Amino acid sequence: MATKDASAASVSMASPSSSLIQEISDKDSPKILTSDFLSELQINDLLNENIHGVQKKLEGFLNFHKLPTSLKEAILLDYYTSGFWWAKDKNFSIPQLSKFMALLDKLLHNLQTLHASLEDSIKFLGEVMAEIGPNTIEKPYMNVFNVQQANEIIDYLKMSLFQHYKLYEFLFFSPRDEIVIGTEKVIELVKSAASPFPYPLEEGMACDIYSAFIVPPPTSTLEVEDIEQILSEESQVESEATEVDPLANFTIEEVKTVLGQITDEVISSIQAEINEKLQMQEETFNVRIEKLKQA
């Protein structure tokens, strides 16, 4: 059909694998994009959100539960969010948004499940645009996009999915090492010494051997009270010893004499330092005065 050939030619493709293209076409062309990727209710919900709200809603619609740690989910979420926001800026209607999002999903589906090459995906895009694009004479009820919108969709896919096609292939088919960023361990805590349970570092010892030869005998209540009384008396003696005044053996006159001597020594040393500094300043000023006189 002429329309189909024109739409496919506008994608500027290379010769794809005929067997894979036939497989994709046989499965999808007769009822192409009929099962919508997002429902009209979900599309309406997304239209009322900003870019961050759209991303959050799509995260729930797509059941992405490992987004903080999954690079694959983060890339796919960005892929769908960017596509929806671009189509919204183009003022696509709700049916157009639904078909466009289904097209984005179908292209990734062919890549992931059928291992479609770049040429295969370009060919498939041409067939899709011929099916749901403008001037479909055989099936006019499937006209969704006009000529300008069809060209804009092709240009968008060229610079988004097709330009980074190798990266998406790497995402789906290249295994990656899983990095353990967290782990859980169960630790058994040691019970109190009163129960028949071994102390730490004695885990391999039988409980009866431990109880018979290692565990200390229980202390009677009387012995505990005696120990507490001795400790309290010792602490009382220590506190009384620390409260003794060190100046209790000196008279007031002796204290005044000692303080006077210390004060005189400190003042004399300070006075000598001040005199030395004054003398140095005086010599400096005399030198300056002599220079001024000579000038």
C-alpha atoms as a PDB file:
ATOM      1  CA  MET A   1       0.000   0.000   0.000  1.00  0.00           C
ATOM      2  CA  ALA A   2       1.356   3.488  -0.878  1.00  0.00           C
ATOM      3  CA  THR A   3       0.692   4.998   2.532  1.00  0.00           C
ATOM      4  CA  LYS A   4       2.456   2.196   4.302  1.00  0.00           C
ATOM      5  CA  ASP A   5       5.480   2.490   2.019  1.00  0.00           C
ATOM      6  CA  ALA A   6       5.690   6.245   2.530  1.00  0.00           C
ATOM      7  CA  SER A   7       5.513   5.992   6.311  1.00  0.00           C
ATOM      8  CA  ALA A   8       8.124   3.272   6.438  1.00  0.00           C
ATOM      9  CA  ALA A   9      10.436   5.205   4.152  1.00  0.00           C
ATOM     10  CA  SER A  10      10.299   8.285   6.391  1.00  0.00           C
ATOM     11  CA  VAL A  11      12.071   6.348   9.144  1.00  0.00           C
ATOM     12  CA  SER A  12      15.168   5.894   6.906  1.00  0.00           C
ATOM     13  CA  MET A  13      15.927   2.266   7.798  1.00  0.00           C
ATOM     14  CA  ALA A  14      18.388  -0.375   6.673  1.00  0.00           C
ATOM     15  CA  SER A  15      17.370  -3.867   5.436  1.00  0.00           C
ATOM     16  CA  PRO A  16      16.198  -5.844   8.508  1.00  0.00           C
ATOM     17  CA  SER A  17      16.056  -9.527   9.062  1.00  0.00           C
ATOM     18  CA  SER A  18      12.999 -10.633   7.064  1.00  0.00           C
ATOM     19  CA  SER A  19      12.197 -13.600   9.321  1.00  0.00           C
ATOM     20  CA  LEU A  20      12.116 -11.543  12.526  1.00  0.00           C
ATOM     21  CA  ILE A  21      10.098  -8.760  10.894  1.00  0.00           C
ATOM     22  CA  GLN A  22       7.606 -11.329   9.634  1.00  0.00           C
ATOM     23  CA  GLU A  23       7.351 -12.768  13.152  1.00  0.00           C
ATOM     24  CA  ILE A  24       6.687  -9.347  14.669  1.00  0.00           C
ATOM     25  CA  SER A  25       4.215  -8.406  11.948  1.00  0.00           C
ATOM     26  CA  ASP A  26       2.301 -11.688  12.136  1.00  0.00           C
ATOM     27  CA  LYS A  27       1.853 -11.280  15.882  1.00  0.00           C
ATOM     28  CA  ASP A  28       1.074  -7.560  16.039  1.00  0.00           C
ATOM     29  CA  SER A  29      -0.056  -6.041  12.715  1.00  0.00           C
ATOM     30  CA  PRO A  30      -3.637  -7.338  12.477  1.00  0.00           C
ATOM     31  CA  LYS A  31      -4.492  -5.960  15.907  1.00  0.00           C
ATOM     32  CA  ILE A  32      -1.609  -3.573  16.392  1.00  0.00           C
ATOM     33  CA  LEU A  33      -1.475  -1.719  19.742  1.00  0.00           C
ATOM     34  CA  THR A  34      -5.057  -2.692  20.582  1.00  0.00           C
ATOM     35  CA  SER A  35      -4.236  -3.623  24.179  1.00  0.00           C
ATOM     36  CA  ASP A  36      -3.429  -0.247  25.692  1.00  0.00           C
ATOM     37  CA  PHE A  37      -0.382   0.025  27.897  1.00  0.00           C
ATOM     38  CA  LEU A  38      -2.169   2.525  30.166  1.00  0.00           C
ATOM     39  CA  SER A  39      -5.923   2.842  30.632  1.00  0.00           C
ATOM     40  CA  GLU A  40      -7.796   6.079  29.985  1.00  0.00           C
ATOM     41  CA  LEU A  41      -8.338   6.463  33.724  1.00  0.00           C
ATOM     42  CA  GLN A  42      -4.590   6.232  34.323  1.00  0.00           C
ATOM     43  CA  ILE A  43      -3.917   8.697  31.477  1.00  0.00           C
ATOM     44  CA  ASN A  44      -6.352  11.185  33.033  1.00  0.00           C
ATOM     45  CA  ASP A  45      -4.670  10.714  36.383  1.00  0.00           C
ATOM     46  CA  LEU A  46      -1.248  11.446  34.875  1.00  0.00           C
ATOM     47  CA  LEU A  47      -2.460  14.558  33.040  1.00  0.00           C
ATOM     48  CA  ASN A  48      -3.242  16.254  36.352  1.00  0.00           C
ATOM     49  CA  GLU A  49       0.308  15.814  37.708  1.00  0.00           C
ATOM     50  CA  ASN A  50       3.589  17.672  37.262  1.00  0.00           C
ATOM     51  CA  ILE A  51       6.713  15.877  36.067  1.00  0.00           C
ATOM     52  CA  HIS A  52       7.523  14.550  39.556  1.00  0.00           C
ATOM     53  CA  GLY A  53       3.941  13.423  40.062  1.00  0.00           C
ATOM     54  CA  VAL A  54       3.943  11.638  36.708  1.00  0.00           C
ATOM     55  CA  GLN A  55       7.109   9.785  37.682  1.00  0.00           C
ATOM     56  CA  LYS A  56       5.620   8.792  41.025  1.00  0.00           C
ATOM     57  CA  LYS A  57       2.352   7.604  39.455  1.00  0.00           C
ATOM     58  CA  LEU A  58       4.127   5.585  36.759  1.00  0.00           C
ATOM     59  CA  GLU A  59       6.256   3.958  39.437  1.00  0.00           C
ATOM     60  CA  GLY A  60       3.046   2.609  40.946  1.00  0.00           C
ATOM     61  CA  PHE A  61       1.401   1.696  37.623  1.00  0.00           C
ATOM     62  CA  LEU A  62       4.483  -0.276  36.517  1.00  0.00           C
ATOM     63  CA  ASN A  63       4.943  -1.998  39.906  1.00  0.00           C
ATOM     64  CA  PHE A  64       8.529  -0.837  40.315  1.00  0.00           C
ATOM     65  CA  HIS A  65       9.323  -1.845  43.908  1.00  0.00           C
ATOM     66  CA  LYS A  66      13.130  -1.879  43.731  1.00  0.00           C
ATOM     67  CA  LEU A  67      13.642   1.588  42.271  1.00  0.00           C
ATOM     68  CA  PRO A  68      16.262   2.818  44.795  1.00  0.00           C
ATOM     69  CA  THR A  69      18.544  -0.166  44.090  1.00  0.00           C
ATOM     70  CA  SER A  70      17.581  -1.311  40.563  1.00  0.00           C
ATOM     71  CA  LEU A  71      19.284   0.444  37.651  1.00  0.00           C
ATOM     72  CA  LYS A  72      16.965  -1.299  35.182  1.00  0.00           C
ATOM     73  CA  GLU A  73      13.791  -0.023  36.844  1.00  0.00           C
ATOM     74  CA  ALA A  74      15.226   3.506  37.088  1.00  0.00           C
ATOM     75  CA  ILE A  75      16.068   3.571  33.355  1.00  0.00           C
ATOM     76  CA  LEU A  76      12.682   2.185  32.302  1.00  0.00           C
ATOM     77  CA  LEU A  77      10.851   4.649  34.546  1.00  0.00           C
ATOM     78  CA  ASP A  78      12.803   7.516  32.981  1.00  0.00           C
ATOM     79  CA  TYR A  79      12.002   6.128  29.504  1.00  0.00           C
ATOM     80  CA  TYR A  80       8.242   6.090  30.073  1.00  0.00           C
ATOM     81  CA  THR A  81       8.162   9.364  32.046  1.00  0.00           C
ATOM     82  CA  SER A  82      10.091  11.260  29.375  1.00  0.00           C
ATOM     83  CA  GLY A  83       7.861   9.830  26.638  1.00  0.00           C
ATOM     84  CA  PHE A  84       4.618  10.730  28.389  1.00  0.00           C
ATOM     85  CA  TRP A  85       5.805  14.255  29.239  1.00  0.00           C
ATOM     86  CA  TRP A  86       6.890  14.842  25.627  1.00  0.00           C
ATOM     87  CA  ALA A  87       3.508  13.680  24.310  1.00  0.00           C
ATOM     88  CA  LYS A  88       1.719  15.851  26.866  1.00  0.00           C
ATOM     89  CA  ASP A  89       3.689  18.911  25.685  1.00  0.00           C
ATOM     90  CA  LYS A  90       2.542  18.072  22.133  1.00  0.00           C
ATOM     91  CA  ASN A  91      -1.077  18.333  23.338  1.00  0.00           C
ATOM     92  CA  PHE A  92      -1.914  14.761  22.371  1.00  0.00           C
ATOM     93  CA  SER A  93      -5.451  13.678  23.139  1.00  0.00           C
ATOM     94  CA  ILE A  94      -6.154  10.851  25.558  1.00  0.00           C
ATOM     95  CA  PRO A  95      -6.491   8.205  22.782  1.00  0.00           C
ATOM     96  CA  GLN A  96      -3.302   9.511  21.200  1.00  0.00           C
ATOM     97  CA  LEU A  97      -1.461   9.379  24.536  1.00  0.00           C
ATOM     98  CA  SER A  98      -2.725   5.840  25.070  1.00  0.00           C
ATOM     99  CA  LYS A  99      -1.509   4.661  21.645  1.00  0.00           C
ATOM    100  CA  PHE A 100       1.815   6.467  21.986  1.00  0.00           C
ATOM    101  CA  MET A 101       2.548   4.891  25.387  1.00  0.00           C
ATOM    102  CA  ALA A 102       1.523   1.493  23.985  1.00  0.00           C
ATOM    103  CA  LEU A 103       3.965   2.056  21.114  1.00  0.00           C
ATOM    104  CA  LEU A 104       6.802   2.824  23.562  1.00  0.00           C
ATOM    105  CA  ASP A 105       6.002  -0.332  25.498  1.00  0.00           C
ATOM    106  CA  LYS A 106       5.733  -2.490  22.357  1.00  0.00           C
ATOM    107  CA  LEU A 107       9.133  -1.369  21.073  1.00  0.00           C
ATOM    108  CA  LEU A 108      10.779  -2.350  24.371  1.00  0.00           C
ATOM    109  CA  HIS A 109       8.781  -5.593  24.407  1.00  0.00           C
ATOM    110  CA  ASN A 110      10.091  -6.554  20.953  1.00  0.00           C
ATOM    111  CA  LEU A 111      13.636  -5.717  22.036  1.00  0.00           C
ATOM    112  CA  GLN A 112      13.453  -7.695  25.273  1.00  0.00           C
ATOM    113  CA  THR A 113      11.463 -10.776  24.191  1.00  0.00           C
ATOM    114  CA  LEU A 114      12.168 -11.082  20.449  1.00  0.00           C
ATOM    115  CA  HIS A 115      15.695  -9.638  20.529  1.00  0.00           C
ATOM    116  CA  ALA A 116      14.676  -7.210  17.804  1.00  0.00           C
ATOM    117  CA  SER A 117      17.611  -5.363  16.261  1.00  0.00           C
ATOM    118  CA  LEU A 118      17.630  -1.639  15.549  1.00  0.00           C
ATOM    119  CA  GLU A 119      16.676  -2.274  11.932  1.00  0.00           C
ATOM    120  CA  ASP A 120      13.814  -4.540  13.023  1.00  0.00           C
ATOM    121  CA  SER A 121      12.465  -1.893  15.394  1.00  0.00           C
ATOM    122  CA  ILE A 122      12.660   0.823  12.742  1.00  0.00           C
ATOM    123  CA  LYS A 123      10.766  -1.419  10.320  1.00  0.00           C
ATOM    124  CA  PHE A 124       8.168  -2.168  12.969  1.00  0.00           C
ATOM    125  CA  LEU A 125       7.746   1.544  13.690  1.00  0.00           C
ATOM    126  CA  GLY A 126       7.085   2.175   9.994  1.00  0.00           C
ATOM    127  CA  GLU A 127       4.404  -0.508   9.959  1.00  0.00           C
ATOM    128  CA  VAL A 128       2.806   0.857  13.118  1.00  0.00           C
ATOM    129  CA  MET A 129       2.653   4.400  11.752  1.00  0.00           C
ATOM    130  CA  ALA A 130       1.120   3.064   8.547  1.00  0.00           C
ATOM    131  CA  GLU A 131      -1.467   1.213  10.643  1.00  0.00           C
ATOM    132  CA  ILE A 132      -2.475   4.015  13.053  1.00  0.00           C
ATOM    133  CA  GLY A 133      -1.145   7.002  11.141  1.00  0.00           C
ATOM    134  CA  PRO A 134      -2.962   9.326   8.708  1.00  0.00           C
ATOM    135  CA  ASN A 135      -4.819   8.408   5.522  1.00  0.00           C
ATOM    136  CA  THR A 136      -5.526   4.787   6.391  1.00  0.00           C
ATOM    137  CA  ILE A 137      -8.067   4.026   3.692  1.00  0.00           C
ATOM    138  CA  GLU A 138      -8.751   0.386   4.532  1.00  0.00           C
ATOM    139  CA  LYS A 139      -9.259   1.038   8.280  1.00  0.00           C
ATOM    140  CA  PRO A 140     -10.272   4.675   8.749  1.00  0.00           C
ATOM    141  CA  TYR A 141     -11.389   3.981  12.325  1.00  0.00           C
ATOM    142  CA  MET A 142      -7.752   3.413  13.277  1.00  0.00           C
ATOM    143  CA  ASN A 143      -6.622   6.917  12.253  1.00  0.00           C
ATOM    144  CA  VAL A 144      -5.045   8.308  15.430  1.00  0.00           C
ATOM    145  CA  PHE A 145      -2.249  10.683  14.363  1.00  0.00           C
ATOM    146  CA  ASN A 146      -2.031  13.207  11.548  1.00  0.00           C
ATOM    147  CA  VAL A 147       0.985  13.634   9.297  1.00  0.00           C
ATOM    148  CA  GLN A 148       2.743  16.177  11.527  1.00  0.00           C
ATOM    149  CA  GLN A 149       2.217  14.125  14.673  1.00  0.00           C
ATOM    150  CA  ALA A 150       3.458  10.961  12.966  1.00  0.00           C
ATOM    151  CA  ASN A 151       6.645  12.719  11.860  1.00  0.00           C
ATOM    152  CA  GLU A 152       7.156  14.161  15.347  1.00  0.00           C
ATOM    153  CA  ILE A 153       6.792  10.696  16.904  1.00  0.00           C
ATOM    154  CA  ILE A 154       9.359   9.270  14.491  1.00  0.00           C
ATOM    155  CA  ASP A 155      11.778  12.122  15.239  1.00  0.00           C
ATOM    156  CA  TYR A 156      11.319  11.658  18.978  1.00  0.00           C
ATOM    157  CA  LEU A 157      12.032   7.917  18.816  1.00  0.00           C
ATOM    158  CA  LYS A 158      15.088   8.564  16.661  1.00  0.00           C
ATOM    159  CA  MET A 159      16.676  10.798  19.314  1.00  0.00           C
ATOM    160  CA  SER A 160      15.532   8.776  22.341  1.00  0.00           C
ATOM    161  CA  LEU A 161      15.238   5.010  21.899  1.00  0.00           C
ATOM    162  CA  PHE A 162      16.991   4.486  18.552  1.00  0.00           C
ATOM    163  CA  GLN A 163      19.945   6.754  19.340  1.00  0.00           C
ATOM    164  CA  HIS A 164      20.658   4.770  22.545  1.00  0.00           C
ATOM    165  CA  TYR A 165      19.558   1.361  21.248  1.00  0.00           C
ATOM    166  CA  LYS A 166      22.855  -0.330  22.150  1.00  0.00           C
ATOM    167  CA  LEU A 167      22.471   0.823  25.740  1.00  0.00           C
ATOM    168  CA  TYR A 168      18.986  -0.679  25.967  1.00  0.00           C
ATOM    169  CA  GLU A 169      20.315  -3.943  24.515  1.00  0.00           C
ATOM    170  CA  PHE A 170      23.019  -3.905  27.179  1.00  0.00           C
ATOM    171  CA  LEU A 171      20.356  -3.248  29.815  1.00  0.00           C
ATOM    172  CA  PHE A 172      18.288  -6.306  28.868  1.00  0.00           C
ATOM    173  CA  PHE A 173      20.909  -8.837  27.791  1.00  0.00           C
ATOM    174  CA  SER A 174      24.155  -8.111  29.681  1.00  0.00           C
ATOM    175  CA  PRO A 175      24.348  -9.752  33.123  1.00  0.00           C
ATOM    176  CA  ARG A 176      25.556  -7.570  35.947  1.00  0.00           C
ATOM    177  CA  ASP A 177      27.141  -8.545  39.233  1.00  0.00           C
ATOM    178  CA  GLU A 178      24.887  -8.080  42.217  1.00  0.00           C
ATOM    179  CA  ILE A 179      26.508  -5.931  44.863  1.00  0.00           C
ATOM    180  CA  VAL A 180      25.470  -6.730  48.425  1.00  0.00           C
ATOM    181  CA  ILE A 181      24.752  -3.418  50.129  1.00  0.00           C
ATOM    182  CA  GLY A 182      23.197  -4.898  53.230  1.00  0.00           C
ATOM    183  CA  THR A 183      22.978  -8.116  55.188  1.00  0.00           C
ATOM    184  CA  GLU A 184      21.110  -9.523  58.141  1.00  0.00           C
ATOM    185  CA  LYS A 185      22.611 -11.581  60.961  1.00  0.00           C
ATOM    186  CA  VAL A 186      20.930 -13.221  63.943  1.00  0.00           C
ATOM    187  CA  ILE A 187      22.944 -12.884  67.162  1.00  0.00           C
ATOM    188  CA  GLU A 188      22.042 -14.800  70.311  1.00  0.00           C
ATOM    189  CA  LEU A 189      22.528 -12.750  73.456  1.00  0.00           C
ATOM    190  CA  VAL A 190      24.073 -14.330  76.538  1.00  0.00           C
ATOM    191  CA  LYS A 191      21.674 -14.823  79.411  1.00  0.00           C
ATOM    192  CA  SER A 192      22.352 -13.642  82.938  1.00  0.00           C
ATOM    193  CA  ALA A 193      24.903 -15.464  85.104  1.00  0.00           C
ATOM    194  CA  ALA A 194      22.218 -16.698  87.508  1.00  0.00           C
ATOM    195  CA  SER A 195      20.819 -19.135  84.910  1.00  0.00           C
ATOM    196  CA  PRO A 196      22.661 -22.335  83.814  1.00  0.00           C
ATOM    197  CA  PHE A 197      24.049 -20.830  80.636  1.00  0.00           C
ATOM    198  CA  PRO A 198      27.733 -20.588  79.770  1.00  0.00           C
ATOM    199  CA  TYR A 199      29.559 -17.284  79.730  1.00  0.00           C
ATOM    200  CA  PRO A 200      30.915 -15.971  76.402  1.00  0.00           C
ATOM    201  CA  LEU A 201      33.797 -17.990  74.883  1.00  0.00           C
ATOM    202  CA  GLU A 202      32.495 -21.105  76.643  1.00  0.00           C
ATOM    203  CA  GLU A 203      29.811 -21.997  74.069  1.00  0.00           C
ATOM    204  CA  GLY A 204      31.237 -25.452  73.403  1.00  0.00           C
ATOM    205  CA  MET A 205      31.156 -26.574  77.055  1.00  0.00           C
ATOM    206  CA  ALA A 206      28.396 -28.780  78.373  1.00  0.00           C
ATOM    207  CA  CYS A 207      26.089 -27.087  80.843  1.00  0.00           C
ATOM    208  CA  ASP A 208      26.546 -29.688  83.629  1.00  0.00           C
ATOM    209  CA  ILE A 209      30.365 -29.435  83.439  1.00  0.00           C
ATOM    210  CA  TYR A 210      30.157 -25.672  83.549  1.00  0.00           C
ATOM    211  CA  SER A 211      27.814 -25.718  86.529  1.00  0.00           C
ATOM    212  CA  ALA A 212      29.956 -28.224  88.432  1.00  0.00           C
ATOM    213  CA  PHE A 213      33.448 -26.857  87.889  1.00  0.00           C
ATOM    214  CA  ILE A 214      33.393 -23.290  86.580  1.00  0.00           C
ATOM    215  CA  VAL A 215      30.338 -21.364  87.715  1.00  0.00           C
ATOM    216  CA  PRO A 216      31.031 -19.514  91.009  1.00  0.00           C
ATOM    217  CA  PRO A 217      29.009 -20.569  94.049  1.00  0.00           C
ATOM    218  CA  PRO A 218      26.001 -18.357  94.835  1.00  0.00           C
ATOM    219  CA  THR A 219      26.701 -15.577  97.326  1.00  0.00           C
ATOM    220  CA  SER A 220      24.515 -15.513 100.408  1.00  0.00           C
ATOM    221  CA  THR A 221      22.455 -12.479 101.295  1.00  0.00           C
ATOM    222  CA  LEU A 222      24.427 -11.928 104.516  1.00  0.00           C
ATOM    223  CA  GLU A 223      27.749 -11.843 102.686  1.00  0.00           C
ATOM    224  CA  VAL A 224      26.386  -9.359 100.178  1.00  0.00           C
ATOM    225  CA  GLU A 225      25.202  -7.069 102.993  1.00  0.00           C
ATOM    226  CA  ASP A 226      28.610  -7.280 104.735  1.00  0.00           C
ATOM    227  CA  ILE A 227      30.424  -6.388 101.526  1.00  0.00           C
ATOM    228  CA  GLU A 228      28.119  -3.451 100.919  1.00  0.00           C
ATOM    229  CA  GLN A 229      28.667  -2.195 104.499  1.00  0.00           C
ATOM    230  CA  ILE A 230      32.470  -2.424 104.134  1.00  0.00           C
ATOM    231  CA  LEU A 231      32.374  -0.561 100.838  1.00  0.00           C
ATOM    232  CA  SER A 232      30.180   2.159 102.298  1.00  0.00           C
ATOM    233  CA  GLU A 233      32.536   2.631 105.289  1.00  0.00           C
ATOM    234  CA  GLU A 234      35.565   2.848 103.008  1.00  0.00           C
ATOM    235  CA  SER A 235      33.869   5.412 100.802  1.00  0.00           C
ATOM    236  CA  GLN A 236      32.881   7.430 103.904  1.00  0.00           C
ATOM    237  CA  VAL A 237      36.497   7.424 105.177  1.00  0.00           C
ATOM    238  CA  GLU A 238      37.767   8.532 101.783  1.00  0.00           C
ATOM    239  CA  SER A 239      35.243  11.364 101.619  1.00  0.00           C
ATOM    240  CA  GLU A 240      36.197  12.546 105.132  1.00  0.00           C
ATOM    241  CA  ALA A 241      39.878  12.475 104.167  1.00  0.00           C
ATOM    242  CA  THR A 242      39.255  14.586 101.098  1.00  0.00           C
ATOM    243  CA  GLU A 243      37.304  17.162 103.132  1.00  0.00           C
ATOM    244  CA  VAL A 244      40.278  18.028 105.453  1.00  0.00           C
ATOM    245  CA  ASP A 245      41.322  21.697 105.095  1.00  0.00           C
ATOM    246  CA  PRO A 246      45.018  21.885 104.006  1.00  0.00           C
ATOM    247  CA  LEU A 247      45.422  25.270 105.774  1.00  0.00           C
ATOM    248  CA  ALA A 248      44.092  24.069 109.108  1.00  0.00           C
ATOM    249  CA  ASN A 249      47.619  23.868 110.665  1.00  0.00           C
ATOM    250  CA  PHE A 250      48.576  27.488 109.767  1.00  0.00           C
ATOM    251  CA  THR A 251      47.651  30.721 111.542  1.00  0.00           C
ATOM    252  CA  ILE A 252      46.241  33.761 109.765  1.00  0.00           C
ATOM    253  CA  GLU A 253      49.476  35.703 110.228  1.00  0.00           C
ATOM    254  CA  GLU A 254      51.523  32.932 108.646  1.00  0.00           C
ATOM    255  CA  VAL A 255      49.181  32.781 105.660  1.00  0.00           C
ATOM    256  CA  LYS A 256      49.373  36.584 105.237  1.00  0.00           C
ATOM    257  CA  THR A 257      53.176  36.477 105.400  1.00  0.00           C
ATOM    258  CA  VAL A 258      53.441  33.768 102.760  1.00  0.00           C
ATOM    259  CA  LEU A 259      50.955  35.521 100.467  1.00  0.00           C
ATOM    260  CA  GLY A 260      52.846  38.828 100.914  1.00  0.00           C
ATOM    261  CA  GLN A 261      56.129  37.246  99.931  1.00  0.00           C
ATOM    262  CA  ILE A 262      54.589  35.649  96.857  1.00  0.00           C
ATOM    263  CA  THR A 263      52.932  38.937  95.887  1.00  0.00           C
ATOM    264  CA  ASP A 264      56.171  40.903  96.244  1.00  0.00           C
ATOM    265  CA  GLU A 265      58.052  38.417  94.072  1.00  0.00           C
ATOM    266  CA  VAL A 266      55.439  38.530  91.348  1.00  0.00           C
ATOM    267  CA  ILE A 267      55.194  42.340  91.404  1.00  0.00           C
ATOM    268  CA  SER A 268      58.964  42.779  91.345  1.00  0.00           C
ATOM    269  CA  SER A 269      59.340  40.489  88.344  1.00  0.00           C
ATOM    270  CA  ILE A 270      56.572  42.341  86.513  1.00  0.00           C
ATOM    271  CA  GLN A 271      58.118  45.718  87.430  1.00  0.00           C
ATOM    272  CA  ALA A 272      61.502  44.597  86.102  1.00  0.00           C
ATOM    273  CA  GLU A 273      59.953  43.462  82.829  1.00  0.00           C
ATOM    274  CA  ILE A 274      58.098  46.762  82.423  1.00  0.00           C
ATOM    275  CA  ASN A 275      61.272  48.780  83.111  1.00  0.00           C
ATOM    276  CA  GLU A 276      63.173  46.763  80.540  1.00  0.00           C
ATOM    277  CA  LYS A 277      60.544  47.403  77.888  1.00  0.00           C
ATOM    278  CA  LEU A 278      60.429  51.147  78.735  1.00  0.00           C
ATOM    279  CA  GLN A 279      64.197  51.357  78.416  1.00  0.00           C
ATOM    280  CA  MET A 280      64.102  49.697  75.017  1.00  0.00           C
ATOM    281  CA  GLN A 281      61.421  52.092  73.784  1.00  0.00           C
ATOM    282  CA  GLU A 282      63.395  55.058  75.114  1.00  0.00           C
ATOM    283  CA  GLU A 283      66.488  53.947  73.186  1.00  0.00           C
ATOM    284  CA  THR A 284      64.376  53.527  70.054  1.00  0.00           C
ATOM    285  CA  PHE A 285      62.952  57.043  70.363  1.00  0.00           C
ATOM    286  CA  ASN A 286      66.429  58.516  70.952  1.00  0.00           C
ATOM    287  CA  VAL A 287      67.688  56.902  67.774  1.00  0.00           C
ATOM    288  CA  ARG A 288      64.769  58.341  65.803  1.00  0.00           C
ATOM    289  CA  ILE A 289      65.311  61.803  67.273  1.00  0.00           C
ATOM    290  CA  GLU A 290      68.994  61.725  66.305  1.00  0.00           C
ATOM    291  CA  LYS A 291      68.078  60.774  62.763  1.00  0.00           C
ATOM    292  CA  LEU A 292      65.578  63.636  62.556  1.00  0.00           C
ATOM    293  CA  LYS A 293      68.200  66.118  63.801  1.00  0.00           C
ATOM    294  CA  GLN A 294      70.710  64.935  61.208  1.00  0.00           C
ATOM    295  CA  ALA A 295      68.116  65.259  58.487  1.00  0.00           C
END
